[in-house]
Amino acid sequence: MEINPVREYGVHNVGVTLPYRLGNVANAKQVPIPEGMPIRKRVSKEFGIDIMDTDSRFTIGEVATIEETLKEIKRRKKKHLIGIKQIVKNKGARVRLEEARHISAGGAYVPEKKRVYIFDNVPEKEIPQVLTHEIGHAVNYFNVEFSKFMEFIKDSGYNMKEFRKYFAPGNELHQFAAKMIDVPKDDWDKLIDRFSLNSLVENRDVFGEILLEPKRKPRYPWEQNPLERFAWAYEWFVNKSKTFKKLAQEAARRGDDTWLADYEFIEDEVFGN
């Protein structure tokens, strides 16, 4: 399973080649067979997901870890894997940040391709954490209603601010100006159509006229934007639910109920019946 290089995403286009090139057998160039091929075939058959190599290759242990992680997700919620078709190992430096929309230290998710990248610097023991995080992005795109996700954002501590134009009398050059005003939580529903998942990556609506701001300056990677926060909450709920709940309850006692809101949203809306 080899991936041929193309320009897109600064990495490689996913294309499977045979162990041997067709044609003159005497001159055929042998291509190394990927490690863990029986496991890869099993994953492809059971989950409809291809585990693929590029300039970095998965070891058999890493392939087995991926399979176990997918089994855990499927056991909890079968349909959470519909947004994943390929899991690709690649050198992190080769994924261009401006093109891989959801990127973290260990991986990236490209929703248009239903593709997860796991970078070559991720130790085998950390693959479940990285892969679950990227699956969280896929769940956001393919399993959560957009209106529900906006509720998640509202309860996660974000404020919505809108640029409002107003008439500025006495100004001969610029008679109209703009100022930022807070949008009341009750009015969020009226503005949902102005947002998309892609615009929310940049904490704004598609026109750049409405901004989402956290209550405090981001201190953690998952506070970059609402999609990262969702993927973080999904990852923690799957991998360390008890710790997540305990920390959320402690934060709520200190006056910050946003973590508990995140926990309850994942529990009820994402994993609930």
Protein backbone atom coordinates (compact mmCIF):
# COMPACT_ATOMS: atom_id res chain seq x y z
CA MET A 1 0.00 0.00 0.00
CA GLU A 2 2.04 2.92 -1.30
CA ILE A 3 0.96 6.51 -1.76
CA ASN A 4 2.13 8.46 -4.78
CA PRO A 5 3.29 12.08 -4.34
CA VAL A 6 1.19 14.95 -5.69
CA ARG A 7 0.93 18.64 -4.85
CA GLU A 8 -2.30 18.49 -2.86
CA TYR A 9 -1.92 19.15 0.87
CA GLY A 10 1.84 19.11 0.41
CA VAL A 11 1.79 15.41 1.21
CA HIS A 12 0.78 12.48 -0.93
CA ASN A 13 -2.29 11.47 -2.82
CA VAL A 14 -3.64 8.21 -1.54
CA GLY A 15 -3.28 5.57 -4.22
CA VAL A 16 -2.71 1.87 -3.66
CA THR A 17 -0.07 0.14 -5.74
CA LEU A 18 0.55 -3.57 -6.08
CA PRO A 19 3.58 -5.21 -4.45
CA TYR A 20 5.01 -5.61 -7.96
CA ARG A 21 4.54 -3.36 -10.95
CA LEU A 22 2.70 -4.90 -13.87
CA GLY A 23 4.63 -5.46 -17.10
CA ASN A 24 7.90 -7.19 -17.74
CA VAL A 25 8.38 -9.37 -14.67
CA ALA A 26 12.11 -9.57 -15.25
CA ASN A 27 12.40 -5.76 -14.96
CA ALA A 28 9.73 -5.31 -12.30
CA LYS A 29 10.73 -3.21 -9.31
CA GLN A 30 9.71 -4.70 -5.99
CA VAL A 31 7.74 -2.51 -3.61
CA PRO A 32 8.02 -3.34 0.11
CA ILE A 33 4.90 -4.97 1.48
CA PRO A 34 3.51 -2.85 4.36
CA GLU A 35 3.83 -4.25 7.85
CA GLY A 36 0.70 -5.75 9.37
CA MET A 37 -0.98 -6.43 6.03
CA PRO A 38 -3.42 -9.02 7.49
CA ILE A 39 -4.52 -6.44 10.08
CA ARG A 40 -4.88 -3.73 7.44
CA LYS A 41 -7.05 -6.02 5.32
CA ARG A 42 -9.17 -6.87 8.36
CA VAL A 43 -9.64 -3.20 9.23
CA SER A 44 -10.56 -2.39 5.63
CA LYS A 45 -13.16 -5.15 5.58
CA GLU A 46 -14.66 -4.51 9.03
CA PHE A 47 -14.58 -0.70 9.16
CA GLY A 48 -14.22 0.38 5.53
CA ILE A 49 -11.03 2.24 6.50
CA ASP A 50 -7.67 1.93 4.75
CA ILE A 51 -4.50 2.18 6.86
CA MET A 52 -1.87 3.60 4.55
CA ASP A 53 1.81 4.58 4.42
CA THR A 54 3.49 7.53 2.72
CA ASP A 55 7.02 8.76 3.37
CA SER A 56 6.66 7.17 6.82
CA ARG A 57 5.49 3.63 7.43
CA PHE A 58 3.33 2.20 10.17
CA THR A 59 4.85 -0.64 12.16
CA ILE A 60 2.83 -3.77 12.84
CA GLY A 61 2.43 -2.63 16.45
CA GLU A 62 1.04 0.73 15.36
CA VAL A 63 -1.37 -0.94 12.95
CA ALA A 64 -2.59 -3.24 15.73
CA THR A 65 -3.05 -0.22 18.03
CA ILE A 66 -5.13 1.53 15.38
CA GLU A 67 -7.35 -1.52 15.03
CA GLU A 68 -7.96 -1.71 18.78
CA THR A 69 -8.79 2.00 18.91
CA LEU A 70 -11.31 1.65 16.08
CA LYS A 71 -12.86 -1.35 17.82
CA GLU A 72 -13.34 0.73 20.99
CA ILE A 73 -15.04 3.53 19.05
CA LYS A 74 -17.27 1.09 17.19
CA ARG A 75 -18.19 -0.68 20.43
CA ARG A 76 -19.37 2.60 21.92
CA LYS A 77 -20.98 4.10 18.83
CA LYS A 78 -20.77 2.31 15.49
CA LYS A 79 -21.67 5.29 13.31
CA HIS A 80 -18.90 7.50 14.70
CA LEU A 81 -16.55 6.12 12.04
CA ILE A 82 -18.55 7.20 8.99
CA GLY A 83 -16.35 10.28 8.61
CA ILE A 84 -13.12 8.24 8.32
CA LYS A 85 -12.02 6.45 5.14
CA GLN A 86 -8.23 6.63 5.40
CA ILE A 87 -5.68 6.70 8.21
CA VAL A 88 -2.34 7.82 6.83
CA LYS A 89 1.09 7.99 8.43
CA ASN A 90 3.10 11.00 7.35
CA LYS A 91 5.90 13.28 8.45
CA GLY A 92 4.31 16.17 10.31
CA ALA A 93 6.44 18.75 8.56
CA ARG A 94 5.01 17.71 5.18
CA VAL A 95 1.44 18.61 6.06
CA ARG A 96 1.03 22.31 5.27
CA LEU A 97 -0.71 24.04 8.15
CA GLU A 98 -2.75 26.36 5.94
CA GLU A 99 -4.29 23.46 4.03
CA ALA A 100 -4.85 20.81 6.68
CA ARG A 101 -7.82 22.42 8.38
CA HIS A 102 -7.67 20.59 11.69
CA ILE A 103 -4.12 20.01 12.78
CA SER A 104 -2.56 19.25 16.14
CA ALA A 105 0.87 18.21 17.36
CA GLY A 106 0.19 14.59 16.56
CA GLY A 107 -2.18 14.52 13.62
CA ALA A 108 -4.61 16.23 11.30
CA TYR A 109 -8.05 15.70 9.82
CA VAL A 110 -9.16 16.63 6.30
CA PRO A 111 -12.97 16.36 6.15
CA GLU A 112 -13.20 16.66 2.36
CA LYS A 113 -11.12 13.47 2.04
CA LYS A 114 -12.39 11.77 5.20
CA ARG A 115 -8.70 11.35 5.94
CA VAL A 116 -6.80 11.23 9.22
CA TYR A 117 -3.07 11.91 9.29
CA ILE A 118 -0.97 10.49 12.12
CA PHE A 119 2.46 12.07 12.17
CA ASP A 120 5.66 10.08 12.34
CA ASN A 121 6.64 11.64 15.70
CA VAL A 122 3.72 10.03 17.55
CA PRO A 123 4.82 7.14 19.81
CA GLU A 124 2.79 3.96 19.49
CA LYS A 125 1.35 4.35 23.00
CA GLU A 126 -0.05 7.80 22.08
CA ILE A 127 -1.80 6.71 18.88
CA PRO A 128 -5.15 6.02 20.67
CA GLN A 129 -5.17 9.60 22.01
CA VAL A 130 -4.26 11.20 18.67
CA LEU A 131 -6.56 9.00 16.60
CA THR A 132 -9.51 9.51 18.96
CA HIS A 133 -8.99 13.27 18.79
CA GLU A 134 -9.10 13.24 14.99
CA ILE A 135 -12.15 10.95 15.03
CA GLY A 136 -13.73 13.62 17.24
CA HIS A 137 -13.30 16.11 14.38
CA ALA A 138 -14.94 13.62 12.01
CA VAL A 139 -17.85 13.13 14.42
CA ASN A 140 -18.31 16.89 14.51
CA TYR A 141 -18.61 17.01 10.73
CA PHE A 142 -20.65 13.89 10.07
CA ASN A 143 -22.59 13.02 13.22
CA VAL A 144 -23.58 16.23 15.01
CA GLU A 145 -26.34 18.55 13.83
CA PHE A 146 -25.00 22.04 13.23
CA SER A 147 -27.66 23.66 15.42
CA LYS A 148 -26.67 21.32 18.24
CA PHE A 149 -23.03 22.22 17.79
CA MET A 150 -23.88 25.90 18.09
CA GLU A 151 -25.51 25.06 21.43
CA PHE A 152 -22.25 23.37 22.45
CA ILE A 153 -20.37 26.58 21.57
CA LYS A 154 -22.84 28.75 23.46
CA ASP A 155 -22.43 26.69 26.64
CA SER A 156 -18.63 26.41 26.27
CA GLY A 157 -18.07 29.99 27.36
CA TYR A 158 -17.93 31.76 24.02
CA ASN A 159 -19.37 35.21 23.45
CA MET A 160 -20.64 36.38 20.07
CA LYS A 161 -19.75 39.88 18.91
CA GLU A 162 -21.04 41.57 15.77
CA PHE A 163 -19.72 44.49 13.76
CA ARG A 164 -22.66 46.89 13.52
CA LYS A 165 -22.63 49.84 11.14
CA TYR A 166 -23.98 53.16 12.35
CA PHE A 167 -24.33 56.67 10.99
CA ALA A 168 -21.59 59.03 12.15
CA PRO A 169 -22.94 62.58 11.76
CA GLY A 170 -20.49 65.40 11.18
CA ASN A 171 -17.87 63.22 9.49
CA GLU A 172 -17.50 64.47 5.92
CA LEU A 173 -15.25 61.59 4.79
CA HIS A 174 -16.74 58.59 6.57
CA GLN A 175 -20.39 58.97 7.41
CA PHE A 176 -20.74 55.32 8.41
CA ALA A 177 -18.66 53.59 11.04
CA ALA A 178 -18.72 50.17 12.75
CA LYS A 179 -18.57 49.10 16.34
CA MET A 180 -18.53 45.76 18.12
CA ILE A 181 -21.62 44.83 20.10
CA ASP A 182 -22.38 41.73 22.14
CA VAL A 183 -25.03 39.43 20.67
CA PRO A 184 -27.38 38.16 23.41
CA LYS A 185 -27.43 34.38 23.80
CA ASP A 186 -31.15 34.37 22.99
CA ASP A 187 -30.38 35.82 19.54
CA TRP A 188 -27.79 33.22 18.51
CA ASP A 189 -30.39 31.05 16.78
CA LYS A 190 -31.20 33.88 14.39
CA LEU A 191 -27.60 33.98 13.16
CA ILE A 192 -26.84 30.27 12.73
CA ASP A 193 -27.15 30.44 8.93
CA ARG A 194 -24.23 32.86 8.82
CA PHE A 195 -21.80 30.28 10.20
CA SER A 196 -20.25 27.10 8.86
CA LEU A 197 -17.91 24.55 10.41
CA ASN A 198 -15.12 25.89 8.23
CA SER A 199 -15.68 29.49 9.34
CA LEU A 200 -15.78 28.42 12.98
CA VAL A 201 -12.20 27.20 12.62
CA GLU A 202 -11.37 30.92 12.51
CA ASN A 203 -13.88 31.83 15.24
CA ARG A 204 -16.09 33.87 12.91
CA ASP A 205 -19.01 33.72 10.50
CA VAL A 206 -18.50 33.22 6.75
CA PHE A 207 -18.59 36.99 6.12
CA GLY A 208 -16.13 37.94 8.85
CA GLU A 209 -18.69 40.24 10.47
CA ILE A 210 -19.45 38.18 13.57
CA LEU A 211 -16.72 36.94 15.91
CA LEU A 212 -16.69 34.30 18.61
CA GLU A 213 -14.55 35.11 21.60
CA PRO A 214 -13.79 32.93 24.63
CA LYS A 215 -14.38 34.50 28.02
CA ARG A 216 -10.66 34.38 28.72
CA LYS A 217 -7.52 34.38 26.61
CA PRO A 218 -6.85 30.82 25.34
CA ARG A 219 -4.37 28.98 27.53
CA TYR A 220 -4.64 25.48 26.11
CA PRO A 221 -4.48 24.06 22.55
CA TRP A 222 -8.14 23.00 22.67
CA GLU A 223 -9.20 26.60 23.29
CA GLN A 224 -8.04 27.72 19.83
CA ASN A 225 -11.53 27.38 18.36
CA PRO A 226 -14.82 25.55 19.07
CA LEU A 227 -13.94 22.60 16.82
CA GLU A 228 -10.74 21.92 18.71
CA ARG A 229 -12.64 22.17 21.98
CA PHE A 230 -15.19 19.62 20.75
CA ALA A 231 -12.47 17.20 19.58
CA TRP A 232 -10.70 17.57 22.94
CA ALA A 233 -13.93 16.88 24.84
CA TYR A 234 -14.64 13.84 22.65
CA GLU A 235 -11.11 12.49 23.14
CA TRP A 236 -11.26 12.93 26.93
CA PHE A 237 -14.72 11.40 27.19
CA VAL A 238 -13.59 8.28 25.31
CA ASN A 239 -10.15 7.83 26.86
CA LYS A 240 -10.49 9.19 30.40
CA SER A 241 -14.11 9.88 31.14
CA LYS A 242 -13.84 9.65 34.93
CA THR A 243 -10.97 12.13 35.05
CA PHE A 244 -12.81 14.46 32.68
CA LYS A 245 -15.94 14.41 34.82
CA LYS A 246 -14.00 14.93 38.05
CA LEU A 247 -12.10 17.93 36.65
CA ALA A 248 -15.32 19.36 35.21
CA GLN A 249 -17.11 19.10 38.55
CA GLU A 250 -14.19 20.72 40.35
CA ALA A 251 -14.16 23.59 37.85
CA ALA A 252 -17.91 24.04 38.29
CA ARG A 253 -17.47 24.34 42.06
CA ARG A 254 -14.94 27.11 41.40
CA GLY A 255 -17.45 28.95 39.23
CA ASP A 256 -16.54 27.69 35.72
CA ASP A 257 -19.30 25.39 34.49
CA THR A 258 -18.14 25.27 30.85
CA TRP A 259 -16.17 22.04 31.23
CA LEU A 260 -19.17 20.35 32.81
CA ALA A 261 -21.34 21.61 29.95
CA ASP A 262 -18.86 20.07 27.49
CA TYR A 263 -18.91 16.76 29.35
CA GLU A 264 -22.69 16.63 29.49
CA PHE A 265 -23.03 17.53 25.81
CA ILE A 266 -20.73 14.70 24.75
CA GLU A 267 -22.49 12.30 27.11
CA ASP A 268 -26.03 13.23 26.06
CA GLU A 269 -25.88 14.45 22.47
CA VAL A 270 -22.93 12.50 21.09
CA PHE A 271 -23.05 9.18 22.96
CA GLY A 272 -26.63 9.25 24.22
CA ASN A 273 -29.45 7.30 22.66
